[in-house]
Amino acid sequence: MLDWLKNITKEHPEFWKEYLSKFENKSNRYVILSTEKTGLNPTKDVILSFGCFGIVHDNLLIGDNFEVVILQYKFLHDNGLSNEFIVESKLNKLGEPEAIQSFLKYIGNATLVGYRIETDVEIINTALEKLDCGRLKNEPLDLEIMHRRLHDINDKQFTLDELCTLYKVPISDRNSASEEAYKMGLLFLKLKSKLGLK
């Protein structure tokens, strides 16, 4: 609750100051965010990869994308987990500090959209804290909450696949962070339209 007090006298890195400066104007860009993580606990788990696509004026922009595998060898080794995923991946690979910096540069001041996005935001905030930065400033939009608001449902949770089935978004057997982000992008456009969001 008083996280801002921890950061009041800290000298932040230059990339963080650059990120904050982008919030002087409101963005019309949404970034669909998907992460692969080792779990859901922001203090114990880490991000393994990011997959993102930009949306502007109701267009999912395939060329506006961000995809990276994060080198988490130490975490995987310390927890007895396989690093096969990292070794075999053909995607761009970065250490966590470089990946987080690149991610911030990519998202800018866009609204972040995802499925149960608060978990992603919290684990990113934990990574930012390790780099002497503050918390993400981007507004988050959650796909499950959008669906529940559209249908005035408060007592039921939905999986991402259930939401995709309800809105006729194709489901793939293979799910990388980018494939999931693409699927979430299509779902977001349908929900956005039905909710009348600009």
N, C-alpha and C. Protein backbone atom coordinates (compact mmCIF):
# COMPACT_ATOMS: atom_id res chain seq x y z
N MET A 1 0.82 -1.19 0.00
CA MET A 1 0.00 0.00 0.00
C MET A 1 0.87 1.26 0.00
N LEU A 2 1.96 1.22 0.70
CA LEU A 2 2.83 2.39 0.76
C LEU A 2 4.10 2.18 -0.07
N ASP A 3 3.96 1.44 -1.19
CA ASP A 3 5.10 1.15 -2.06
C ASP A 3 5.79 2.42 -2.54
N TRP A 4 5.02 3.48 -2.74
CA TRP A 4 5.60 4.72 -3.25
C TRP A 4 6.62 5.30 -2.28
N LEU A 5 6.47 5.02 -0.98
CA LEU A 5 7.42 5.54 0.01
C LEU A 5 8.81 4.94 -0.18
N LYS A 6 8.86 3.64 -0.60
CA LYS A 6 10.15 2.99 -0.82
C LYS A 6 10.93 3.67 -1.93
N ASN A 7 10.21 4.21 -2.89
CA ASN A 7 10.86 4.75 -4.09
C ASN A 7 11.03 6.26 -4.08
N ILE A 8 10.63 6.92 -3.01
CA ILE A 8 10.61 8.38 -3.01
C ILE A 8 12.00 9.00 -3.11
N THR A 9 13.00 8.38 -2.51
CA THR A 9 14.35 8.96 -2.53
C THR A 9 15.30 8.17 -3.43
N LYS A 10 14.82 7.15 -4.10
CA LYS A 10 15.66 6.33 -4.97
C LYS A 10 16.01 7.06 -6.25
N GLU A 11 17.21 6.85 -6.71
CA GLU A 11 17.59 7.32 -8.04
C GLU A 11 17.28 6.19 -9.01
N HIS A 12 16.35 6.44 -9.91
CA HIS A 12 15.90 5.40 -10.84
C HIS A 12 16.80 5.34 -12.08
N PRO A 13 16.87 4.16 -12.71
CA PRO A 13 17.65 4.04 -13.94
C PRO A 13 17.07 4.90 -15.07
N GLU A 14 17.90 5.22 -16.02
CA GLU A 14 17.51 6.09 -17.12
C GLU A 14 16.34 5.51 -17.94
N PHE A 15 16.36 4.18 -18.19
CA PHE A 15 15.28 3.57 -18.97
C PHE A 15 13.93 3.73 -18.27
N TRP A 16 13.92 3.75 -16.92
CA TRP A 16 12.68 3.94 -16.17
C TRP A 16 12.18 5.37 -16.31
N LYS A 17 13.09 6.33 -16.24
CA LYS A 17 12.71 7.74 -16.42
C LYS A 17 12.13 7.96 -17.81
N GLU A 18 12.73 7.32 -18.80
CA GLU A 18 12.24 7.43 -20.18
C GLU A 18 10.83 6.84 -20.29
N TYR A 19 10.61 5.70 -19.66
CA TYR A 19 9.28 5.06 -19.65
C TYR A 19 8.25 6.00 -19.01
N LEU A 20 8.58 6.57 -17.86
CA LEU A 20 7.63 7.46 -17.16
C LEU A 20 7.29 8.69 -17.99
N SER A 21 8.25 9.19 -18.75
CA SER A 21 8.02 10.40 -19.55
C SER A 21 6.97 10.19 -20.64
N LYS A 22 6.69 8.96 -21.00
CA LYS A 22 5.70 8.67 -22.05
C LYS A 22 4.27 8.86 -21.58
N PHE A 23 4.06 9.05 -20.28
CA PHE A 23 2.71 9.15 -19.75
C PHE A 23 2.18 10.57 -19.71
N GLU A 24 2.91 11.49 -20.33
CA GLU A 24 2.42 12.87 -20.39
C GLU A 24 1.20 12.97 -21.29
N ASN A 25 1.09 12.09 -22.27
CA ASN A 25 -0.06 12.06 -23.18
C ASN A 25 -0.73 10.69 -23.09
N LYS A 26 -2.05 10.66 -23.34
CA LYS A 26 -2.80 9.40 -23.33
C LYS A 26 -2.61 8.70 -24.67
N SER A 27 -2.47 7.40 -24.61
CA SER A 27 -2.26 6.59 -25.81
C SER A 27 -3.58 6.03 -26.32
N ASN A 28 -3.68 5.84 -27.63
CA ASN A 28 -4.84 5.15 -28.21
C ASN A 28 -4.46 3.70 -28.57
N ARG A 29 -3.31 3.29 -28.08
CA ARG A 29 -2.77 1.96 -28.39
C ARG A 29 -3.02 1.01 -27.22
N TYR A 30 -3.43 -0.21 -27.57
CA TYR A 30 -3.55 -1.30 -26.60
C TYR A 30 -2.44 -2.29 -26.89
N VAL A 31 -1.91 -2.90 -25.86
CA VAL A 31 -0.93 -3.98 -26.04
C VAL A 31 -1.51 -5.22 -25.39
N ILE A 32 -1.67 -6.25 -26.20
CA ILE A 32 -2.13 -7.54 -25.69
C ILE A 32 -0.91 -8.23 -25.10
N LEU A 33 -0.99 -8.59 -23.84
CA LEU A 33 0.15 -9.14 -23.11
C LEU A 33 -0.11 -10.58 -22.70
N SER A 34 0.80 -11.45 -23.09
CA SER A 34 0.78 -12.83 -22.63
C SER A 34 2.18 -13.16 -22.12
N THR A 35 2.24 -13.82 -20.98
CA THR A 35 3.52 -14.25 -20.45
C THR A 35 3.46 -15.74 -20.16
N GLU A 36 4.61 -16.37 -20.25
CA GLU A 36 4.76 -17.72 -19.72
C GLU A 36 5.57 -17.55 -18.45
N LYS A 37 5.06 -18.14 -17.36
CA LYS A 37 5.68 -17.96 -16.05
C LYS A 37 5.90 -19.34 -15.42
N THR A 38 6.74 -19.38 -14.40
CA THR A 38 6.96 -20.63 -13.68
C THR A 38 5.85 -20.91 -12.69
N GLY A 39 4.98 -19.96 -12.45
CA GLY A 39 3.87 -20.10 -11.52
C GLY A 39 3.16 -18.77 -11.35
N LEU A 40 2.30 -18.68 -10.35
CA LEU A 40 1.49 -17.49 -10.16
C LEU A 40 1.89 -16.64 -8.97
N ASN A 41 2.95 -17.01 -8.27
CA ASN A 41 3.39 -16.27 -7.10
C ASN A 41 4.44 -15.24 -7.51
N PRO A 42 4.11 -13.94 -7.46
CA PRO A 42 5.05 -12.92 -7.95
C PRO A 42 6.36 -12.85 -7.17
N THR A 43 6.36 -13.29 -5.93
CA THR A 43 7.61 -13.21 -5.16
C THR A 43 8.49 -14.43 -5.34
N LYS A 44 7.92 -15.56 -5.78
CA LYS A 44 8.71 -16.78 -5.93
C LYS A 44 8.94 -17.18 -7.38
N ASP A 45 8.02 -16.81 -8.25
CA ASP A 45 8.09 -17.26 -9.64
C ASP A 45 8.69 -16.20 -10.55
N VAL A 46 9.04 -16.61 -11.77
CA VAL A 46 9.67 -15.70 -12.73
C VAL A 46 8.99 -15.82 -14.09
N ILE A 47 9.21 -14.82 -14.92
CA ILE A 47 8.69 -14.82 -16.29
C ILE A 47 9.68 -15.58 -17.17
N LEU A 48 9.14 -16.48 -18.00
CA LEU A 48 9.97 -17.23 -18.94
C LEU A 48 9.94 -16.61 -20.34
N SER A 49 8.79 -16.01 -20.70
CA SER A 49 8.71 -15.37 -22.01
C SER A 49 7.57 -14.36 -22.05
N PHE A 50 7.72 -13.41 -22.98
CA PHE A 50 6.70 -12.41 -23.29
C PHE A 50 6.22 -12.65 -24.71
N GLY A 51 4.93 -12.45 -24.94
CA GLY A 51 4.36 -12.40 -26.27
C GLY A 51 3.37 -11.26 -26.29
N CYS A 52 3.54 -10.31 -27.20
CA CYS A 52 2.67 -9.12 -27.22
C CYS A 52 2.35 -8.72 -28.66
N PHE A 53 1.17 -8.14 -28.83
CA PHE A 53 0.77 -7.52 -30.09
C PHE A 53 0.12 -6.18 -29.78
N GLY A 54 0.30 -5.22 -30.67
CA GLY A 54 -0.33 -3.92 -30.53
C GLY A 54 -1.66 -3.87 -31.25
N ILE A 55 -2.59 -3.10 -30.72
CA ILE A 55 -3.88 -2.85 -31.36
C ILE A 55 -4.08 -1.34 -31.39
N VAL A 56 -4.35 -0.82 -32.58
CA VAL A 56 -4.64 0.60 -32.75
C VAL A 56 -5.85 0.71 -33.68
N HIS A 57 -6.82 1.53 -33.29
CA HIS A 57 -8.03 1.76 -34.10
C HIS A 57 -8.68 0.45 -34.52
N ASP A 58 -8.86 -0.45 -33.57
CA ASP A 58 -9.53 -1.75 -33.80
C ASP A 58 -8.80 -2.65 -34.80
N ASN A 59 -7.51 -2.44 -34.97
CA ASN A 59 -6.71 -3.31 -35.84
C ASN A 59 -5.61 -3.98 -35.02
N LEU A 60 -5.59 -5.31 -35.08
CA LEU A 60 -4.51 -6.06 -34.45
C LEU A 60 -3.34 -6.02 -35.43
N LEU A 61 -2.27 -5.38 -35.01
CA LEU A 61 -1.14 -5.12 -35.89
C LEU A 61 -0.07 -6.20 -35.72
N ILE A 62 -0.01 -7.11 -36.68
CA ILE A 62 0.94 -8.22 -36.60
C ILE A 62 2.37 -7.71 -36.56
N GLY A 63 2.66 -6.64 -37.27
CA GLY A 63 4.02 -6.08 -37.29
C GLY A 63 4.39 -5.36 -36.00
N ASP A 64 3.40 -5.03 -35.18
CA ASP A 64 3.63 -4.34 -33.89
C ASP A 64 3.64 -5.43 -32.82
N ASN A 65 4.77 -6.12 -32.71
CA ASN A 65 4.83 -7.25 -31.78
C ASN A 65 6.11 -7.24 -30.97
N PHE A 66 6.07 -7.99 -29.89
CA PHE A 66 7.23 -8.14 -29.01
C PHE A 66 7.23 -9.58 -28.52
N GLU A 67 8.32 -10.27 -28.76
CA GLU A 67 8.41 -11.67 -28.35
C GLU A 67 9.83 -11.94 -27.90
N VAL A 68 9.97 -12.44 -26.68
CA VAL A 68 11.31 -12.71 -26.17
C VAL A 68 11.23 -13.84 -25.14
N VAL A 69 12.27 -14.67 -25.14
CA VAL A 69 12.44 -15.69 -24.10
C VAL A 69 13.44 -15.12 -23.11
N ILE A 70 13.13 -15.26 -21.82
CA ILE A 70 13.99 -14.70 -20.78
C ILE A 70 14.88 -15.80 -20.23
N LEU A 71 16.16 -15.53 -20.22
CA LEU A 71 17.12 -16.51 -19.72
C LEU A 71 17.02 -16.58 -18.19
N GLN A 72 16.46 -17.64 -17.70
CA GLN A 72 16.25 -17.83 -16.26
C GLN A 72 16.99 -19.08 -15.79
N TYR A 73 18.19 -19.29 -16.30
CA TYR A 73 18.94 -20.51 -15.98
C TYR A 73 19.10 -20.72 -14.48
N LYS A 74 19.46 -19.66 -13.75
CA LYS A 74 19.69 -19.79 -12.31
C LYS A 74 18.43 -20.25 -11.58
N PHE A 75 17.29 -19.61 -11.87
CA PHE A 75 16.03 -19.99 -11.24
C PHE A 75 15.70 -21.45 -11.55
N LEU A 76 15.82 -21.83 -12.81
CA LEU A 76 15.49 -23.20 -13.20
C LEU A 76 16.41 -24.19 -12.52
N HIS A 77 17.71 -23.90 -12.50
CA HIS A 77 18.68 -24.78 -11.85
C HIS A 77 18.41 -24.90 -10.36
N ASP A 78 18.19 -23.76 -9.70
CA ASP A 78 17.96 -23.76 -8.24
C ASP A 78 16.69 -24.50 -7.86
N ASN A 79 15.73 -24.59 -8.78
CA ASN A 79 14.47 -25.25 -8.48
C ASN A 79 14.33 -26.61 -9.16
N GLY A 80 15.44 -27.12 -9.72
CA GLY A 80 15.43 -28.45 -10.32
C GLY A 80 14.53 -28.57 -11.53
N LEU A 81 14.36 -27.48 -12.27
CA LEU A 81 13.50 -27.49 -13.46
C LEU A 81 14.34 -27.56 -14.73
N SER A 82 13.78 -28.09 -15.78
CA SER A 82 14.48 -28.23 -17.06
C SER A 82 14.61 -26.88 -17.76
N ASN A 83 15.74 -26.68 -18.44
CA ASN A 83 15.93 -25.47 -19.23
C ASN A 83 15.77 -25.77 -20.73
N GLU A 84 15.20 -26.91 -21.04
CA GLU A 84 15.02 -27.36 -22.42
C GLU A 84 14.25 -26.32 -23.24
N PHE A 85 13.23 -25.74 -22.64
CA PHE A 85 12.40 -24.71 -23.29
C PHE A 85 13.27 -23.56 -23.80
N ILE A 86 14.19 -23.10 -22.96
CA ILE A 86 15.05 -21.98 -23.32
C ILE A 86 16.06 -22.39 -24.39
N VAL A 87 16.68 -23.53 -24.19
CA VAL A 87 17.72 -23.99 -25.11
C VAL A 87 17.17 -24.21 -26.51
N GLU A 88 16.00 -24.83 -26.61
CA GLU A 88 15.44 -25.20 -27.91
C GLU A 88 14.73 -24.04 -28.62
N SER A 89 14.37 -23.01 -27.90
CA SER A 89 13.62 -21.91 -28.51
C SER A 89 14.45 -21.18 -29.56
N LYS A 90 13.80 -20.85 -30.66
CA LYS A 90 14.44 -20.10 -31.74
C LYS A 90 14.19 -18.60 -31.58
N LEU A 91 13.45 -18.22 -30.55
CA LEU A 91 13.11 -16.82 -30.32
C LEU A 91 14.30 -16.05 -29.77
N ASN A 92 14.20 -14.73 -29.86
CA ASN A 92 15.18 -13.83 -29.26
C ASN A 92 15.27 -14.14 -27.76
N LYS A 93 16.49 -14.24 -27.23
CA LYS A 93 16.69 -14.55 -25.82
C LYS A 93 17.44 -13.41 -25.15
N LEU A 94 16.94 -12.99 -23.99
CA LEU A 94 17.57 -11.91 -23.23
C LEU A 94 17.59 -12.27 -21.75
N GLY A 95 18.53 -11.70 -21.02
CA GLY A 95 18.50 -11.80 -19.56
C GLY A 95 17.32 -11.00 -19.05
N GLU A 96 16.90 -11.26 -17.82
CA GLU A 96 15.71 -10.58 -17.28
C GLU A 96 15.84 -9.05 -17.30
N PRO A 97 16.96 -8.46 -16.87
CA PRO A 97 17.02 -6.98 -16.89
C PRO A 97 16.84 -6.40 -18.30
N GLU A 98 17.50 -7.01 -19.29
CA GLU A 98 17.39 -6.52 -20.67
C GLU A 98 15.98 -6.75 -21.22
N ALA A 99 15.38 -7.89 -20.88
CA ALA A 99 14.02 -8.19 -21.36
C ALA A 99 13.01 -7.20 -20.79
N ILE A 100 13.13 -6.88 -19.51
CA ILE A 100 12.22 -5.93 -18.88
C ILE A 100 12.39 -4.54 -19.49
N GLN A 101 13.63 -4.12 -19.71
CA GLN A 101 13.87 -2.82 -20.34
C GLN A 101 13.27 -2.77 -21.74
N SER A 102 13.47 -3.83 -22.53
CA SER A 102 12.92 -3.89 -23.89
C SER A 102 11.39 -3.91 -23.85
N PHE A 103 10.83 -4.61 -22.89
CA PHE A 103 9.38 -4.67 -22.73
C PHE A 103 8.81 -3.28 -22.45
N LEU A 104 9.42 -2.55 -21.52
CA LEU A 104 8.95 -1.19 -21.21
C LEU A 104 9.02 -0.28 -22.43
N LYS A 105 10.11 -0.39 -23.17
CA LYS A 105 10.26 0.42 -24.38
C LYS A 105 9.16 0.09 -25.38
N TYR A 106 8.83 -1.20 -25.49
CA TYR A 106 7.80 -1.64 -26.43
C TYR A 106 6.41 -1.15 -26.01
N ILE A 107 6.04 -1.32 -24.74
CA ILE A 107 4.67 -0.99 -24.33
C ILE A 107 4.43 0.51 -24.23
N GLY A 108 5.45 1.27 -23.89
CA GLY A 108 5.24 2.71 -23.72
C GLY A 108 4.09 2.98 -22.77
N ASN A 109 3.19 3.86 -23.17
CA ASN A 109 2.05 4.22 -22.31
C ASN A 109 0.75 3.54 -22.73
N ALA A 110 0.86 2.45 -23.48
CA ALA A 110 -0.32 1.73 -23.96
C ALA A 110 -1.11 1.12 -22.80
N THR A 111 -2.39 0.88 -23.05
CA THR A 111 -3.22 0.12 -22.11
C THR A 111 -2.88 -1.35 -22.29
N LEU A 112 -2.61 -2.05 -21.20
CA LEU A 112 -2.26 -3.47 -21.26
C LEU A 112 -3.53 -4.31 -21.16
N VAL A 113 -3.65 -5.30 -22.03
CA VAL A 113 -4.82 -6.17 -22.06
C VAL A 113 -4.35 -7.61 -21.92
N GLY A 114 -5.03 -8.37 -21.07
CA GLY A 114 -4.67 -9.77 -20.92
C GLY A 114 -5.73 -10.54 -20.17
N TYR A 115 -5.46 -11.82 -20.02
CA TYR A 115 -6.33 -12.70 -19.26
C TYR A 115 -5.77 -12.80 -17.85
N ARG A 116 -6.58 -12.41 -16.87
CA ARG A 116 -6.13 -12.33 -15.47
C ARG A 116 -4.82 -11.55 -15.40
N ILE A 117 -4.87 -10.40 -15.98
CA ILE A 117 -3.68 -9.56 -16.20
C ILE A 117 -3.02 -9.09 -14.91
N GLU A 118 -3.76 -9.03 -13.83
CA GLU A 118 -3.16 -8.57 -12.57
C GLU A 118 -1.99 -9.45 -12.15
N THR A 119 -2.06 -10.75 -12.44
CA THR A 119 -0.96 -11.66 -12.11
C THR A 119 0.28 -11.28 -12.92
N ASP A 120 0.10 -11.02 -14.21
CA ASP A 120 1.23 -10.61 -15.05
C ASP A 120 1.81 -9.28 -14.57
N VAL A 121 0.95 -8.33 -14.26
CA VAL A 121 1.40 -7.01 -13.80
C VAL A 121 2.21 -7.15 -12.51
N GLU A 122 1.76 -7.97 -11.59
CA GLU A 122 2.46 -8.13 -10.30
C GLU A 122 3.83 -8.79 -10.48
N ILE A 123 3.91 -9.78 -11.35
CA ILE A 123 5.21 -10.45 -11.53
C ILE A 123 6.18 -9.52 -12.28
N ILE A 124 5.66 -8.68 -13.17
CA ILE A 124 6.50 -7.67 -13.84
C ILE A 124 6.95 -6.63 -12.82
N ASN A 125 6.05 -6.22 -11.94
CA ASN A 125 6.41 -5.25 -10.90
C ASN A 125 7.52 -5.79 -9.99
N THR A 126 7.48 -7.08 -9.70
CA THR A 126 8.53 -7.70 -8.89
C THR A 126 9.87 -7.62 -9.62
N ALA A 127 9.85 -7.90 -10.92
CA ALA A 127 11.08 -7.79 -11.73
C ALA A 127 11.57 -6.35 -11.78
N LEU A 128 10.66 -5.39 -11.88
CA LEU A 128 11.03 -3.97 -11.90
C LEU A 128 11.65 -3.54 -10.58
N GLU A 129 11.13 -4.07 -9.49
CA GLU A 129 11.67 -3.73 -8.16
C GLU A 129 13.14 -4.14 -8.06
N LYS A 130 13.48 -5.30 -8.64
CA LYS A 130 14.88 -5.77 -8.63
C LYS A 130 15.80 -4.80 -9.38
N LEU A 131 15.21 -4.01 -10.28
CA LEU A 131 15.99 -3.07 -11.10
C LEU A 131 15.91 -1.65 -10.54
N ASP A 132 15.45 -1.50 -9.31
CA ASP A 132 15.30 -0.20 -8.65
C ASP A 132 14.33 0.73 -9.37
N CYS A 133 13.25 0.14 -9.87
CA CYS A 133 12.22 0.92 -10.56
C CYS A 133 10.94 0.90 -9.73
N GLY A 134 9.98 1.71 -10.15
CA GLY A 134 8.66 1.71 -9.52
C GLY A 134 7.78 0.64 -10.14
N ARG A 135 6.48 0.82 -10.02
CA ARG A 135 5.50 -0.13 -10.55
C ARG A 135 5.01 0.33 -11.93
N LEU A 136 4.53 -0.61 -12.71
CA LEU A 136 3.98 -0.28 -14.02
C LEU A 136 2.90 0.79 -13.88
N LYS A 137 2.88 1.73 -14.80
CA LYS A 137 1.90 2.82 -14.79
C LYS A 137 0.77 2.58 -15.78
N ASN A 138 0.91 1.58 -16.63
CA ASN A 138 -0.08 1.32 -17.67
C ASN A 138 -1.40 0.85 -17.07
N GLU A 139 -2.49 1.33 -17.66
CA GLU A 139 -3.82 0.88 -17.25
C GLU A 139 -4.00 -0.57 -17.71
N PRO A 140 -4.46 -1.47 -16.83
CA PRO A 140 -4.71 -2.85 -17.26
C PRO A 140 -6.19 -3.09 -17.58
N LEU A 141 -6.45 -3.90 -18.57
CA LEU A 141 -7.82 -4.36 -18.89
C LEU A 141 -7.79 -5.88 -18.89
N ASP A 142 -8.72 -6.49 -18.19
CA ASP A 142 -8.76 -7.94 -18.09
C ASP A 142 -9.91 -8.51 -18.93
N LEU A 143 -9.60 -9.48 -19.76
CA LEU A 143 -10.59 -10.06 -20.66
C LEU A 143 -11.73 -10.76 -19.92
N GLU A 144 -11.39 -11.48 -18.87
CA GLU A 144 -12.43 -12.18 -18.10
C GLU A 144 -13.38 -11.17 -17.44
N ILE A 145 -12.83 -10.10 -16.90
CA ILE A 145 -13.66 -9.07 -16.27
C ILE A 145 -14.53 -8.38 -17.33
N MET A 146 -13.98 -8.14 -18.50
CA MET A 146 -14.78 -7.53 -19.58
C MET A 146 -15.98 -8.42 -19.92
N HIS A 147 -15.75 -9.73 -20.03
CA HIS A 147 -16.84 -10.66 -20.35
C HIS A 147 -17.88 -10.67 -19.23
N ARG A 148 -17.41 -10.73 -17.99
CA ARG A 148 -18.35 -10.76 -16.86
C ARG A 148 -19.16 -9.47 -16.78
N ARG A 149 -18.53 -8.34 -17.08
CA ARG A 149 -19.25 -7.06 -17.06
C ARG A 149 -20.30 -7.02 -18.18
N LEU A 150 -19.94 -7.53 -19.36
CA LEU A 150 -20.86 -7.54 -20.50
C LEU A 150 -22.13 -8.33 -20.16
N HIS A 151 -21.97 -9.43 -19.44
CA HIS A 151 -23.11 -10.30 -19.14
C HIS A 151 -23.59 -10.20 -17.69
N ASP A 152 -23.07 -9.23 -16.96
CA ASP A 152 -23.46 -9.00 -15.57
C ASP A 152 -23.34 -10.29 -14.74
N ILE A 153 -22.18 -10.92 -14.83
CA ILE A 153 -21.89 -12.17 -14.11
C ILE A 153 -20.85 -11.86 -13.04
N ASN A 154 -21.15 -12.23 -11.80
CA ASN A 154 -20.21 -12.00 -10.72
C ASN A 154 -19.75 -13.27 -10.02
N ASP A 155 -20.47 -14.36 -10.22
CA ASP A 155 -20.23 -15.56 -9.41
C ASP A 155 -19.58 -16.71 -10.19
N LYS A 156 -19.02 -16.44 -11.35
CA LYS A 156 -18.44 -17.51 -12.15
C LYS A 156 -17.12 -17.05 -12.75
N GLN A 157 -16.16 -17.98 -12.79
CA GLN A 157 -14.89 -17.70 -13.46
C GLN A 157 -14.86 -18.46 -14.78
N PHE A 158 -14.08 -17.94 -15.74
CA PHE A 158 -13.99 -18.55 -17.06
C PHE A 158 -12.53 -18.75 -17.42
N THR A 159 -12.22 -19.88 -18.02
CA THR A 159 -10.86 -20.08 -18.54
C THR A 159 -10.75 -19.30 -19.84
N LEU A 160 -9.53 -19.08 -20.29
CA LEU A 160 -9.32 -18.39 -21.56
C LEU A 160 -9.93 -19.19 -22.70
N ASP A 161 -9.78 -20.51 -22.68
CA ASP A 161 -10.37 -21.34 -23.74
C ASP A 161 -11.89 -21.27 -23.73
N GLU A 162 -12.51 -21.19 -22.55
CA GLU A 162 -13.97 -21.05 -22.49
C GLU A 162 -14.40 -19.72 -23.11
N LEU A 163 -13.66 -18.66 -22.81
CA LEU A 163 -13.99 -17.35 -23.40
C LEU A 163 -13.83 -17.40 -24.92
N CYS A 164 -12.75 -18.03 -25.39
CA CYS A 164 -12.54 -18.13 -26.84
C CYS A 164 -13.66 -18.92 -27.50
N THR A 165 -14.11 -19.98 -26.88
CA THR A 165 -15.21 -20.78 -27.42
C THR A 165 -16.49 -19.94 -27.47
N LEU A 166 -16.77 -19.20 -26.40
CA LEU A 166 -17.98 -18.38 -26.35
C LEU A 166 -18.00 -17.33 -27.47
N TYR A 167 -16.83 -16.79 -27.80
CA TYR A 167 -16.76 -15.72 -28.80
C TYR A 167 -16.22 -16.19 -30.15
N LYS A 168 -16.18 -17.52 -30.30
CA LYS A 168 -15.78 -18.15 -31.58
C LYS A 168 -14.39 -17.71 -32.05
N VAL A 169 -13.46 -17.68 -31.10
CA VAL A 169 -12.05 -17.41 -31.42
C VAL A 169 -11.36 -18.76 -31.49
N PRO A 170 -10.65 -19.05 -32.60
CA PRO A 170 -10.00 -20.37 -32.75
C PRO A 170 -9.03 -20.67 -31.60
N ILE A 171 -9.05 -21.92 -31.16
CA ILE A 171 -8.16 -22.39 -30.09
C ILE A 171 -7.12 -23.31 -30.71
N SER A 172 -5.88 -23.08 -30.35
CA SER A 172 -4.77 -23.88 -30.88
C SER A 172 -4.29 -24.85 -29.81
N ASP A 173 -3.81 -26.02 -30.25
CA ASP A 173 -3.24 -27.00 -29.32
C ASP A 173 -1.90 -26.50 -28.78
N ARG A 174 -1.16 -25.81 -29.62
CA ARG A 174 0.16 -25.32 -29.27
C ARG A 174 0.03 -23.88 -28.81
N ASN A 175 0.55 -23.55 -27.66
CA ASN A 175 0.37 -22.20 -27.14
C ASN A 175 1.67 -21.58 -26.67
N SER A 176 2.30 -20.81 -27.53
CA SER A 176 3.42 -19.98 -27.09
C SER A 176 2.81 -18.69 -26.56
N ALA A 177 3.61 -17.87 -25.93
CA ALA A 177 3.10 -16.59 -25.42
C ALA A 177 2.54 -15.75 -26.56
N SER A 178 3.19 -15.77 -27.72
CA SER A 178 2.70 -14.97 -28.86
C SER A 178 1.41 -15.53 -29.44
N GLU A 179 1.30 -16.85 -29.54
CA GLU A 179 0.06 -17.44 -30.04
C GLU A 179 -1.10 -17.11 -29.10
N GLU A 180 -0.82 -17.15 -27.81
CA GLU A 180 -1.85 -16.81 -26.84
C GLU A 180 -2.21 -15.32 -26.93
N ALA A 181 -1.21 -14.46 -27.13
CA ALA A 181 -1.47 -13.03 -27.27
C ALA A 181 -2.34 -12.75 -28.50
N TYR A 182 -2.06 -13.44 -29.59
CA TYR A 182 -2.86 -13.27 -30.81
C TYR A 182 -4.32 -13.66 -30.55
N LYS A 183 -4.51 -14.81 -29.92
CA LYS A 183 -5.85 -15.29 -29.59
C LYS A 183 -6.55 -14.28 -28.67
N MET A 184 -5.83 -13.76 -27.67
CA MET A 184 -6.41 -12.77 -26.76
C MET A 184 -6.73 -11.47 -27.50
N GLY A 185 -5.92 -11.12 -28.50
CA GLY A 185 -6.18 -9.93 -29.28
C GLY A 185 -7.50 -10.02 -30.03
N LEU A 186 -7.76 -11.17 -30.64
CA LEU A 186 -9.03 -11.38 -31.34
C LEU A 186 -10.20 -11.32 -30.36
N LEU A 187 -10.02 -11.95 -29.22
CA LEU A 187 -11.06 -11.94 -28.18
C LEU A 187 -11.30 -10.51 -27.69
N PHE A 188 -10.24 -9.76 -27.46
CA PHE A 188 -10.37 -8.38 -27.00
C PHE A 188 -11.16 -7.53 -28.00
N LEU A 189 -10.86 -7.65 -29.28
CA LEU A 189 -11.57 -6.86 -30.29
C LEU A 189 -13.07 -7.16 -30.27
N LYS A 190 -13.43 -8.42 -30.08
CA LYS A 190 -14.85 -8.77 -30.01
C LYS A 190 -15.50 -8.19 -28.75
N LEU A 191 -14.83 -8.33 -27.61
CA LEU A 191 -15.37 -7.80 -26.36
C LEU A 191 -15.45 -6.26 -26.39
N LYS A 192 -14.43 -5.65 -26.93
CA LYS A 192 -14.36 -4.19 -27.03
C LYS A 192 -15.55 -3.67 -27.85
N SER A 193 -15.82 -4.33 -28.96
CA SER A 193 -16.92 -3.94 -29.81
C SER A 193 -18.27 -4.10 -29.09
N LYS A 194 -18.46 -5.25 -28.42
CA LYS A 194 -19.72 -5.51 -27.74
C LYS A 194 -19.94 -4.56 -26.55
N LEU A 195 -18.83 -4.14 -25.91
CA LEU A 195 -18.95 -3.22 -24.78
C LEU A 195 -18.99 -1.75 -25.23
N GLY A 196 -18.76 -1.52 -26.52
CA GLY A 196 -18.79 -0.15 -27.04
C GLY A 196 -17.63 0.71 -26.59
N LEU A 197 -16.48 0.09 -26.35
CA LEU A 197 -15.29 0.84 -25.95
C LEU A 197 -14.64 1.48 -27.15
N LYS A 198 -14.09 2.68 -26.97
CA LYS A 198 -13.38 3.39 -28.04
C LYS A 198 -11.94 2.94 -28.11
